[in-house]
Amino acid sequence: MKTSVYITDAKVRAACKELGKTNDIGVMFDKVDHEFGLKHDDLARAMYVALLCGTDDKDNVASLLSVSEKNLLKDAHAKGEIGVEYLARWTDVN
């Protein structure tokens, strides 16, 4: 299963949470990547947004994900690379 360093690494996750208070999501990821020397990973970023950003309102979470991020998540789930939890907050898939 694919994992997201933004979720699994406590220091990276804390940095995302802190930087997310004052930056938009893309800038937050760019700053975290720079701080920790991480390579850009669209799926890992989408996983973080799908699981942790916004409220539990499906429309709110869906609005935070771009069309390409939604497609990345759906494709990864269809391939068995990620679990349904990455779809559950913004779709009716369970």
PDB file of N, CA and C in Angstrom:
ATOM      1  N   MET A   1       0.833  -1.184   0.000  1.00  0.00           N
ATOM      2  CA  MET A   1       0.000   0.000   0.000  1.00  0.00           C
ATOM      3  C   MET A   1       0.877   1.246   0.000  1.00  0.00           C
ATOM      4  N   LYS A   2       0.444   2.195  -0.766  1.00  0.00           N
ATOM      5  CA  LYS A   2       1.118   3.490  -0.857  1.00  0.00           C
ATOM      6  C   LYS A   2       0.893   4.248   0.445  1.00  0.00           C
ATOM      7  N   THR A   3       1.930   4.906   0.923  1.00  0.00           N
ATOM      8  CA  THR A   3       1.801   5.754   2.099  1.00  0.00           C
ATOM      9  C   THR A   3       2.153   7.190   1.723  1.00  0.00           C
ATOM     10  N   SER A   4       1.790   8.097   2.575  1.00  0.00           N
ATOM     11  CA  SER A   4       2.086   9.512   2.369  1.00  0.00           C
ATOM     12  C   SER A   4       2.930  10.015   3.531  1.00  0.00           C
ATOM     13  N   VAL A   5       4.127  10.486   3.229  1.00  0.00           N
ATOM     14  CA  VAL A   5       5.020  11.000   4.258  1.00  0.00           C
ATOM     15  C   VAL A   5       4.353  12.155   5.021  1.00  0.00           C
ATOM     16  N   TYR A   6       3.456  12.860   4.359  1.00  0.00           N
ATOM     17  CA  TYR A   6       2.759  13.971   5.008  1.00  0.00           C
ATOM     18  C   TYR A   6       1.831  13.477   6.119  1.00  0.00           C
ATOM     19  N   ILE A   7       1.485  12.215   6.075  1.00  0.00           N
ATOM     20  CA  ILE A   7       0.605  11.613   7.079  1.00  0.00           C
ATOM     21  C   ILE A   7       1.405  10.759   8.056  1.00  0.00           C
ATOM     22  N   THR A   8       2.349   9.966   7.560  1.00  0.00           N
ATOM     23  CA  THR A   8       3.015   8.965   8.393  1.00  0.00           C
ATOM     24  C   THR A   8       4.182   9.484   9.219  1.00  0.00           C
ATOM     25  N   ASP A   9       4.834  10.529   8.784  1.00  0.00           N
ATOM     26  CA  ASP A   9       5.983  11.065   9.517  1.00  0.00           C
ATOM     27  C   ASP A   9       5.489  12.171  10.454  1.00  0.00           C
ATOM     28  N   ALA A  10       5.647  11.957  11.744  1.00  0.00           N
ATOM     29  CA  ALA A  10       5.108  12.885  12.743  1.00  0.00           C
ATOM     30  C   ALA A  10       5.649  14.307  12.584  1.00  0.00           C
ATOM     31  N   LYS A  11       6.927  14.457  12.286  1.00  0.00           N
ATOM     32  CA  LYS A  11       7.514  15.795  12.137  1.00  0.00           C
ATOM     33  C   LYS A  11       6.971  16.488  10.890  1.00  0.00           C
ATOM     34  N   VAL A  12       6.858  15.743   9.802  1.00  0.00           N
ATOM     35  CA  VAL A  12       6.334  16.306   8.557  1.00  0.00           C
ATOM     36  C   VAL A  12       4.866  16.667   8.736  1.00  0.00           C
ATOM     37  N   ARG A  13       4.121  15.788   9.370  1.00  0.00           N
ATOM     38  CA  ARG A  13       2.689  16.047   9.614  1.00  0.00           C
ATOM     39  C   ARG A  13       2.499  17.291  10.477  1.00  0.00           C
ATOM     40  N   ALA A  14       3.318  17.435  11.507  1.00  0.00           N
ATOM     41  CA  ALA A  14       3.234  18.616  12.379  1.00  0.00           C
ATOM     42  C   ALA A  14       3.575  19.885  11.600  1.00  0.00           C
ATOM     43  N   ALA A  15       4.564  19.808  10.732  1.00  0.00           N
ATOM     44  CA  ALA A  15       4.932  20.970   9.918  1.00  0.00           C
ATOM     45  C   ALA A  15       3.790  21.337   8.977  1.00  0.00           C
ATOM     46  N   CYS A  16       3.144  20.340   8.389  1.00  0.00           N
ATOM     47  CA  CYS A  16       1.986  20.605   7.519  1.00  0.00           C
ATOM     48  C   CYS A  16       0.880  21.302   8.305  1.00  0.00           C
ATOM     49  N   LYS A  17       0.610  20.794   9.482  1.00  0.00           N
ATOM     50  CA  LYS A  17      -0.454  21.374  10.307  1.00  0.00           C
ATOM     51  C   LYS A  17      -0.137  22.833  10.649  1.00  0.00           C
ATOM     52  N   GLU A  18       1.088  23.093  11.035  1.00  0.00           N
ATOM     53  CA  GLU A  18       1.483  24.451  11.411  1.00  0.00           C
ATOM     54  C   GLU A  18       1.493  25.386  10.202  1.00  0.00           C
ATOM     55  N   LEU A  19       2.127  24.962   9.127  1.00  0.00           N
ATOM     56  CA  LEU A  19       2.205  25.812   7.932  1.00  0.00           C
ATOM     57  C   LEU A  19       0.849  25.965   7.255  1.00  0.00           C
ATOM     58  N   GLY A  20      -0.015  24.999   7.434  1.00  0.00           N
ATOM     59  CA  GLY A  20      -1.347  25.063   6.848  1.00  0.00           C
ATOM     60  C   GLY A  20      -2.225  26.135   7.470  1.00  0.00           C
ATOM     61  N   LYS A  21      -1.847  26.615   8.641  1.00  0.00           N
ATOM     62  CA  LYS A  21      -2.620  27.672   9.313  1.00  0.00           C
ATOM     63  C   LYS A  21      -2.499  29.009   8.590  1.00  0.00           C
ATOM     64  N   THR A  22      -1.368  29.239   7.936  1.00  0.00           N
ATOM     65  CA  THR A  22      -1.112  30.556   7.346  1.00  0.00           C
ATOM     66  C   THR A  22      -0.783  30.527   5.854  1.00  0.00           C
ATOM     67  N   ASN A  23      -0.826  29.357   5.230  1.00  0.00           N
ATOM     68  CA  ASN A  23      -0.499  29.225   3.815  1.00  0.00           C
ATOM     69  C   ASN A  23      -1.578  28.420   3.107  1.00  0.00           C
ATOM     70  N   ASP A  24      -1.725  28.647   1.794  1.00  0.00           N
ATOM     71  CA  ASP A  24      -2.645  27.771   1.081  1.00  0.00           C
ATOM     72  C   ASP A  24      -1.990  26.396   0.971  1.00  0.00           C
ATOM     73  N   ILE A  25      -2.747  25.394   0.568  1.00  0.00           N
ATOM     74  CA  ILE A  25      -2.286  24.013   0.602  1.00  0.00           C
ATOM     75  C   ILE A  25      -1.041  23.799  -0.256  1.00  0.00           C
ATOM     76  N   GLY A  26      -1.028  24.335  -1.470  1.00  0.00           N
ATOM     77  CA  GLY A  26       0.124  24.148  -2.352  1.00  0.00           C
ATOM     78  C   GLY A  26       1.390  24.748  -1.788  1.00  0.00           C
ATOM     79  N   VAL A  27       1.286  25.949  -1.244  1.00  0.00           N
ATOM     80  CA  VAL A  27       2.448  26.605  -0.636  1.00  0.00           C
ATOM     81  C   VAL A  27       2.907  25.818   0.589  1.00  0.00           C
ATOM     82  N   MET A  28       1.953  25.324   1.373  1.00  0.00           N
ATOM     83  CA  MET A  28       2.293  24.515   2.546  1.00  0.00           C
ATOM     84  C   MET A  28       3.143  23.319   2.125  1.00  0.00           C
ATOM     85  N   PHE A  29       2.682  22.583   1.099  1.00  0.00           N
ATOM     86  CA  PHE A  29       3.434  21.415   0.642  1.00  0.00           C
ATOM     87  C   PHE A  29       4.811  21.809   0.118  1.00  0.00           C
ATOM     88  N   ASP A  30       4.899  22.880  -0.643  1.00  0.00           N
ATOM     89  CA  ASP A  30       6.194  23.324  -1.174  1.00  0.00           C
ATOM     90  C   ASP A  30       7.163  23.654  -0.047  1.00  0.00           C
ATOM     91  N   LYS A  31       6.683  24.318   0.991  1.00  0.00           N
ATOM     92  CA  LYS A  31       7.541  24.674   2.125  1.00  0.00           C
ATOM     93  C   LYS A  31       7.970  23.435   2.900  1.00  0.00           C
ATOM     94  N   VAL A  32       7.049  22.512   3.096  1.00  0.00           N
ATOM     95  CA  VAL A  32       7.379  21.272   3.810  1.00  0.00           C
ATOM     96  C   VAL A  32       8.378  20.453   2.996  1.00  0.00           C
ATOM     97  N   ASP A  33       8.153  20.338   1.696  1.00  0.00           N
ATOM     98  CA  ASP A  33       9.096  19.614   0.832  1.00  0.00           C
ATOM     99  C   ASP A  33      10.489  20.211   0.939  1.00  0.00           C
ATOM    100  N   HIS A  34      10.562  21.528   0.886  1.00  0.00           N
ATOM    101  CA  HIS A  34      11.856  22.211   0.980  1.00  0.00           C
ATOM    102  C   HIS A  34      12.509  21.967   2.343  1.00  0.00           C
ATOM    103  N   GLU A  35      11.734  22.113   3.401  1.00  0.00           N
ATOM    104  CA  GLU A  35      12.260  21.962   4.758  1.00  0.00           C
ATOM    105  C   GLU A  35      12.815  20.558   5.013  1.00  0.00           C
ATOM    106  N   PHE A  36      12.142  19.535   4.488  1.00  0.00           N
ATOM    107  CA  PHE A  36      12.534  18.157   4.761  1.00  0.00           C
ATOM    108  C   PHE A  36      13.240  17.469   3.590  1.00  0.00           C
ATOM    109  N   GLY A  37      13.501  18.209   2.510  1.00  0.00           N
ATOM    110  CA  GLY A  37      14.186  17.637   1.363  1.00  0.00           C
ATOM    111  C   GLY A  37      13.376  16.563   0.644  1.00  0.00           C
ATOM    112  N   LEU A  38      12.071  16.749   0.577  1.00  0.00           N
ATOM    113  CA  LEU A  38      11.190  15.764  -0.044  1.00  0.00           C
ATOM    114  C   LEU A  38      11.002  16.046  -1.526  1.00  0.00           C
ATOM    115  N   LYS A  39      10.856  14.977  -2.308  1.00  0.00           N
ATOM    116  CA  LYS A  39      10.525  15.119  -3.721  1.00  0.00           C
ATOM    117  C   LYS A  39       9.034  15.382  -3.855  1.00  0.00           C
ATOM    118  N   HIS A  40       8.669  16.133  -4.870  1.00  0.00           N
ATOM    119  CA  HIS A  40       7.263  16.414  -5.152  1.00  0.00           C
ATOM    120  C   HIS A  40       6.546  15.096  -5.439  1.00  0.00           C
ATOM    121  N   ASP A  41       5.409  14.860  -4.772  1.00  0.00           N
ATOM    122  CA  ASP A  41       4.641  13.629  -4.938  1.00  0.00           C
ATOM    123  C   ASP A  41       3.160  13.987  -4.931  1.00  0.00           C
ATOM    124  N   ASP A  42       2.576  14.073  -6.130  1.00  0.00           N
ATOM    125  CA  ASP A  42       1.176  14.486  -6.250  1.00  0.00           C
ATOM    126  C   ASP A  42       0.224  13.570  -5.499  1.00  0.00           C
ATOM    127  N   LEU A  43       0.442  12.267  -5.586  1.00  0.00           N
ATOM    128  CA  LEU A  43      -0.470  11.338  -4.904  1.00  0.00           C
ATOM    129  C   LEU A  43      -0.361  11.491  -3.392  1.00  0.00           C
ATOM    130  N   ALA A  44       0.839  11.593  -2.867  1.00  0.00           N
ATOM    131  CA  ALA A  44       1.020  11.759  -1.420  1.00  0.00           C
ATOM    132  C   ALA A  44       0.346  13.038  -0.930  1.00  0.00           C
ATOM    133  N   ARG A  45       0.440  14.096  -1.724  1.00  0.00           N
ATOM    134  CA  ARG A  45      -0.215  15.355  -1.371  1.00  0.00           C
ATOM    135  C   ARG A  45      -1.731  15.187  -1.383  1.00  0.00           C
ATOM    136  N   ALA A  46      -2.252  14.546  -2.422  1.00  0.00           N
ATOM    137  CA  ALA A  46      -3.698  14.334  -2.522  1.00  0.00           C
ATOM    138  C   ALA A  46      -4.200  13.467  -1.370  1.00  0.00           C
ATOM    139  N   MET A  47      -3.421  12.478  -0.981  1.00  0.00           N
ATOM    140  CA  MET A  47      -3.797  11.617   0.140  1.00  0.00           C
ATOM    141  C   MET A  47      -3.933  12.442   1.426  1.00  0.00           C
ATOM    142  N   TYR A  48      -2.996  13.341   1.652  1.00  0.00           N
ATOM    143  CA  TYR A  48      -3.041  14.197   2.840  1.00  0.00           C
ATOM    144  C   TYR A  48      -4.299  15.063   2.829  1.00  0.00           C
ATOM    145  N   VAL A  49      -4.555  15.701   1.703  1.00  0.00           N
ATOM    146  CA  VAL A  49      -5.733  16.569   1.603  1.00  0.00           C
ATOM    147  C   VAL A  49      -7.008  15.754   1.823  1.00  0.00           C
ATOM    148  N   ALA A  50      -7.097  14.605   1.175  1.00  0.00           N
ATOM    149  CA  ALA A  50      -8.299  13.774   1.263  1.00  0.00           C
ATOM    150  C   ALA A  50      -8.552  13.267   2.672  1.00  0.00           C
ATOM    151  N   LEU A  51      -7.499  13.030   3.425  1.00  0.00           N
ATOM    152  CA  LEU A  51      -7.647  12.449   4.752  1.00  0.00           C
ATOM    153  C   LEU A  51      -7.691  13.482   5.876  1.00  0.00           C
ATOM    154  N   LEU A  52      -6.964  14.586   5.736  1.00  0.00           N
ATOM    155  CA  LEU A  52      -6.782  15.478   6.884  1.00  0.00           C
ATOM    156  C   LEU A  52      -7.208  16.930   6.708  1.00  0.00           C
ATOM    157  N   CYS A  53      -7.362  17.420   5.500  1.00  0.00           N
ATOM    158  CA  CYS A  53      -7.674  18.839   5.311  1.00  0.00           C
ATOM    159  C   CYS A  53      -9.171  19.109   5.371  1.00  0.00           C
ATOM    160  N   GLY A  54      -9.494  20.333   5.691  1.00  0.00           N
ATOM    161  CA  GLY A  54     -10.889  20.772   5.683  1.00  0.00           C
ATOM    162  C   GLY A  54     -11.701  20.207   6.834  1.00  0.00           C
ATOM    163  N   THR A  55     -12.992  20.167   6.614  1.00  0.00           N
ATOM    164  CA  THR A  55     -13.924  19.618   7.598  1.00  0.00           C
ATOM    165  C   THR A  55     -14.358  18.241   7.130  1.00  0.00           C
ATOM    166  N   ASP A  56     -15.239  17.607   7.870  1.00  0.00           N
ATOM    167  CA  ASP A  56     -15.747  16.304   7.436  1.00  0.00           C
ATOM    168  C   ASP A  56     -16.896  16.433   6.443  1.00  0.00           C
ATOM    169  N   ASP A  57     -17.229  17.651   6.050  1.00  0.00           N
ATOM    170  CA  ASP A  57     -18.245  17.881   5.035  1.00  0.00           C
ATOM    171  C   ASP A  57     -17.696  17.450   3.673  1.00  0.00           C
ATOM    172  N   LYS A  58     -18.403  16.531   2.996  1.00  0.00           N
ATOM    173  CA  LYS A  58     -17.926  16.005   1.707  1.00  0.00           C
ATOM    174  C   LYS A  58     -17.662  17.113   0.694  1.00  0.00           C
ATOM    175  N   ASP A  59     -18.553  18.094   0.626  1.00  0.00           N
ATOM    176  CA  ASP A  59     -18.380  19.177  -0.337  1.00  0.00           C
ATOM    177  C   ASP A  59     -17.136  20.007  -0.022  1.00  0.00           C
ATOM    178  N   ASN A  60     -16.841  20.198   1.265  1.00  0.00           N
ATOM    179  CA  ASN A  60     -15.659  20.959   1.648  1.00  0.00           C
ATOM    180  C   ASN A  60     -14.395  20.239   1.221  1.00  0.00           C
ATOM    181  N   VAL A  61     -14.289  18.971   1.548  1.00  0.00           N
ATOM    182  CA  VAL A  61     -13.098  18.205   1.177  1.00  0.00           C
ATOM    183  C   VAL A  61     -12.983  18.122  -0.339  1.00  0.00           C
ATOM    184  N   ALA A  62     -14.089  17.854  -1.019  1.00  0.00           N
ATOM    185  CA  ALA A  62     -14.082  17.762  -2.483  1.00  0.00           C
ATOM    186  C   ALA A  62     -13.607  19.066  -3.110  1.00  0.00           C
ATOM    187  N   SER A  63     -13.959  20.198  -2.499  1.00  0.00           N
ATOM    188  CA  SER A  63     -13.560  21.492  -3.059  1.00  0.00           C
ATOM    189  C   SER A  63     -12.068  21.753  -2.895  1.00  0.00           C
ATOM    190  N   LEU A  64     -11.430  21.076  -1.972  1.00  0.00           N
ATOM    191  CA  LEU A  64      -9.993  21.249  -1.744  1.00  0.00           C
ATOM    192  C   LEU A  64      -9.142  20.421  -2.706  1.00  0.00           C
ATOM    193  N   LEU A  65      -9.764  19.427  -3.336  1.00  0.00           N
ATOM    194  CA  LEU A  65      -9.055  18.550  -4.269  1.00  0.00           C
ATOM    195  C   LEU A  65      -9.293  19.000  -5.707  1.00  0.00           C
ATOM    196  N   SER A  66      -8.237  19.070  -6.487  1.00  0.00           N
ATOM    197  CA  SER A  66      -8.392  19.388  -7.908  1.00  0.00           C
ATOM    198  C   SER A  66      -8.939  18.156  -8.631  1.00  0.00           C
ATOM    199  N   VAL A  67      -9.371  18.347  -9.855  1.00  0.00           N
ATOM    200  CA  VAL A  67      -9.866  17.225 -10.661  1.00  0.00           C
ATOM    201  C   VAL A  67      -8.771  16.177 -10.828  1.00  0.00           C
ATOM    202  N   SER A  68      -7.554  16.624 -11.089  1.00  0.00           N
ATOM    203  CA  SER A  68      -6.459  15.654 -11.262  1.00  0.00           C
ATOM    204  C   SER A  68      -6.147  14.912  -9.962  1.00  0.00           C
ATOM    205  N   GLU A  69      -6.249  15.580  -8.834  1.00  0.00           N
ATOM    206  CA  GLU A  69      -6.033  14.908  -7.547  1.00  0.00           C
ATOM    207  C   GLU A  69      -7.124  13.873  -7.291  1.00  0.00           C
ATOM    208  N   LYS A  70      -8.358  14.227  -7.588  1.00  0.00           N
ATOM    209  CA  LYS A  70      -9.459  13.264  -7.432  1.00  0.00           C
ATOM    210  C   LYS A  70      -9.221  12.038  -8.304  1.00  0.00           C
ATOM    211  N   ASN A  71      -8.793  12.265  -9.536  1.00  0.00           N
ATOM    212  CA  ASN A  71      -8.518  11.150 -10.444  1.00  0.00           C
ATOM    213  C   ASN A  71      -7.345  10.299  -9.948  1.00  0.00           C
ATOM    214  N   LEU A  72      -6.308  10.939  -9.428  1.00  0.00           N
ATOM    215  CA  LEU A  72      -5.178  10.196  -8.863  1.00  0.00           C
ATOM    216  C   LEU A  72      -5.644   9.281  -7.741  1.00  0.00           C
ATOM    217  N   LEU A  73      -6.461   9.817  -6.862  1.00  0.00           N
ATOM    218  CA  LEU A  73      -6.954   9.036  -5.726  1.00  0.00           C
ATOM    219  C   LEU A  73      -7.848   7.889  -6.185  1.00  0.00           C
ATOM    220  N   LYS A  74      -8.752   8.167  -7.109  1.00  0.00           N
ATOM    221  CA  LYS A  74      -9.639   7.113  -7.616  1.00  0.00           C
ATOM    222  C   LYS A  74      -8.851   6.013  -8.312  1.00  0.00           C
ATOM    223  N   ASP A  75      -7.886   6.396  -9.146  1.00  0.00           N
ATOM    224  CA  ASP A  75      -7.066   5.417  -9.860  1.00  0.00           C
ATOM    225  C   ASP A  75      -6.231   4.580  -8.889  1.00  0.00           C
ATOM    226  N   ALA A  76      -5.624   5.233  -7.909  1.00  0.00           N
ATOM    227  CA  ALA A  76      -4.809   4.514  -6.919  1.00  0.00           C
ATOM    228  C   ALA A  76      -5.671   3.543  -6.125  1.00  0.00           C
ATOM    229  N   HIS A  77      -6.879   3.948  -5.793  1.00  0.00           N
ATOM    230  CA  HIS A  77      -7.782   3.054  -5.067  1.00  0.00           C
ATOM    231  C   HIS A  77      -8.182   1.870  -5.950  1.00  0.00           C
ATOM    232  N   ALA A  78      -8.506   2.142  -7.202  1.00  0.00           N
ATOM    233  CA  ALA A  78      -8.899   1.072  -8.137  1.00  0.00           C
ATOM    234  C   ALA A  78      -7.773   0.057  -8.325  1.00  0.00           C
ATOM    235  N   LYS A  79      -6.531   0.517  -8.259  1.00  0.00           N
ATOM    236  CA  LYS A  79      -5.367  -0.366  -8.411  1.00  0.00           C
ATOM    237  C   LYS A  79      -4.992  -1.063  -7.101  1.00  0.00           C
ATOM    238  N   GLY A  80      -5.698  -0.736  -6.016  1.00  0.00           N
ATOM    239  CA  GLY A  80      -5.398  -1.330  -4.720  1.00  0.00           C
ATOM    240  C   GLY A  80      -4.200  -0.718  -4.026  1.00  0.00           C
ATOM    241  N   GLU A  81      -3.785   0.464  -4.473  1.00  0.00           N
ATOM    242  CA  GLU A  81      -2.611   1.123  -3.894  1.00  0.00           C
ATOM    243  C   GLU A  81      -2.932   1.894  -2.623  1.00  0.00           C
ATOM    244  N   ILE A  82      -4.172   2.344  -2.489  1.00  0.00           N
ATOM    245  CA  ILE A  82      -4.600   3.068  -1.283  1.00  0.00           C
ATOM    246  C   ILE A  82      -5.954   2.535  -0.844  1.00  0.00           C
ATOM    247  N   GLY A  83      -6.270   2.757   0.410  1.00  0.00           N
ATOM    248  CA  GLY A  83      -7.546   2.303   0.951  1.00  0.00           C
ATOM    249  C   GLY A  83      -8.686   3.266   0.688  1.00  0.00           C
ATOM    250  N   VAL A  84      -9.872   2.812   0.996  1.00  0.00           N
ATOM    251  CA  VAL A  84     -11.084   3.592   0.765  1.00  0.00           C
ATOM    252  C   VAL A  84     -11.140   4.842   1.648  1.00  0.00           C
ATOM    253  N   GLU A  85     -10.375   4.864   2.722  1.00  0.00           N
ATOM    254  CA  GLU A  85     -10.397   6.027   3.607  1.00  0.00           C
ATOM    255  C   GLU A  85     -10.008   7.317   2.887  1.00  0.00           C
ATOM    256  N   TYR A  86      -9.267   7.200   1.781  1.00  0.00           N
ATOM    257  CA  TYR A  86      -8.865   8.382   1.027  1.00  0.00           C
ATOM    258  C   TYR A  86      -9.968   8.876   0.091  1.00  0.00           C
ATOM    259  N   LEU A  87     -11.032   8.108  -0.030  1.00  0.00           N
ATOM    260  CA  LEU A  87     -12.187   8.511  -0.835  1.00  0.00           C
ATOM    261  C   LEU A  87     -13.388   8.847   0.035  1.00  0.00           C
ATOM    262  N   ALA A  88     -13.422   8.301   1.230  1.00  0.00           N
ATOM    263  CA  ALA A  88     -14.615   8.346   2.074  1.00  0.00           C
ATOM    264  C   ALA A  88     -15.064   9.745   2.467  1.00  0.00           C
ATOM    265  N   ARG A  89     -14.146  10.687   2.600  1.00  0.00           N
ATOM    266  CA  ARG A  89     -14.521  12.023   3.065  1.00  0.00           C
ATOM    267  C   ARG A  89     -15.065  12.923   1.958  1.00  0.00           C
ATOM    268  N   TRP A  90     -14.921  12.502   0.683  1.00  0.00           N
ATOM    269  CA  TRP A  90     -15.367  13.392  -0.408  1.00  0.00           C
ATOM    270  C   TRP A  90     -16.194  12.694  -1.480  1.00  0.00           C
ATOM    271  N   THR A  91     -16.422  11.390  -1.336  1.00  0.00           N
ATOM    272  CA  THR A  91     -17.286  10.666  -2.268  1.00  0.00           C
ATOM    273  C   THR A  91     -18.245   9.785  -1.468  1.00  0.00           C
ATOM    274  N   ASP A  92     -19.113   9.110  -2.164  1.00  0.00           N
ATOM    275  CA  ASP A  92     -20.035   8.167  -1.537  1.00  0.00           C
ATOM    276  C   ASP A  92     -19.508   6.733  -1.602  1.00  0.00           C
ATOM    277  N   VAL A  93     -18.249   6.560  -2.043  1.00  0.00           N
ATOM    278  CA  VAL A  93     -17.638   5.243  -2.133  1.00  0.00           C
ATOM    279  C   VAL A  93     -17.249   4.782  -0.737  1.00  0.00           C
ATOM    280  N   ASN A  94     -17.678   3.607  -0.370  1.00  0.00           N
ATOM    281  CA  ASN A  94     -17.307   3.027   0.944  1.00  0.00           C
ATOM    282  C   ASN A  94     -17.056   1.562   0.836  1.00  0.00           C
TER     283      ASN A  94
END
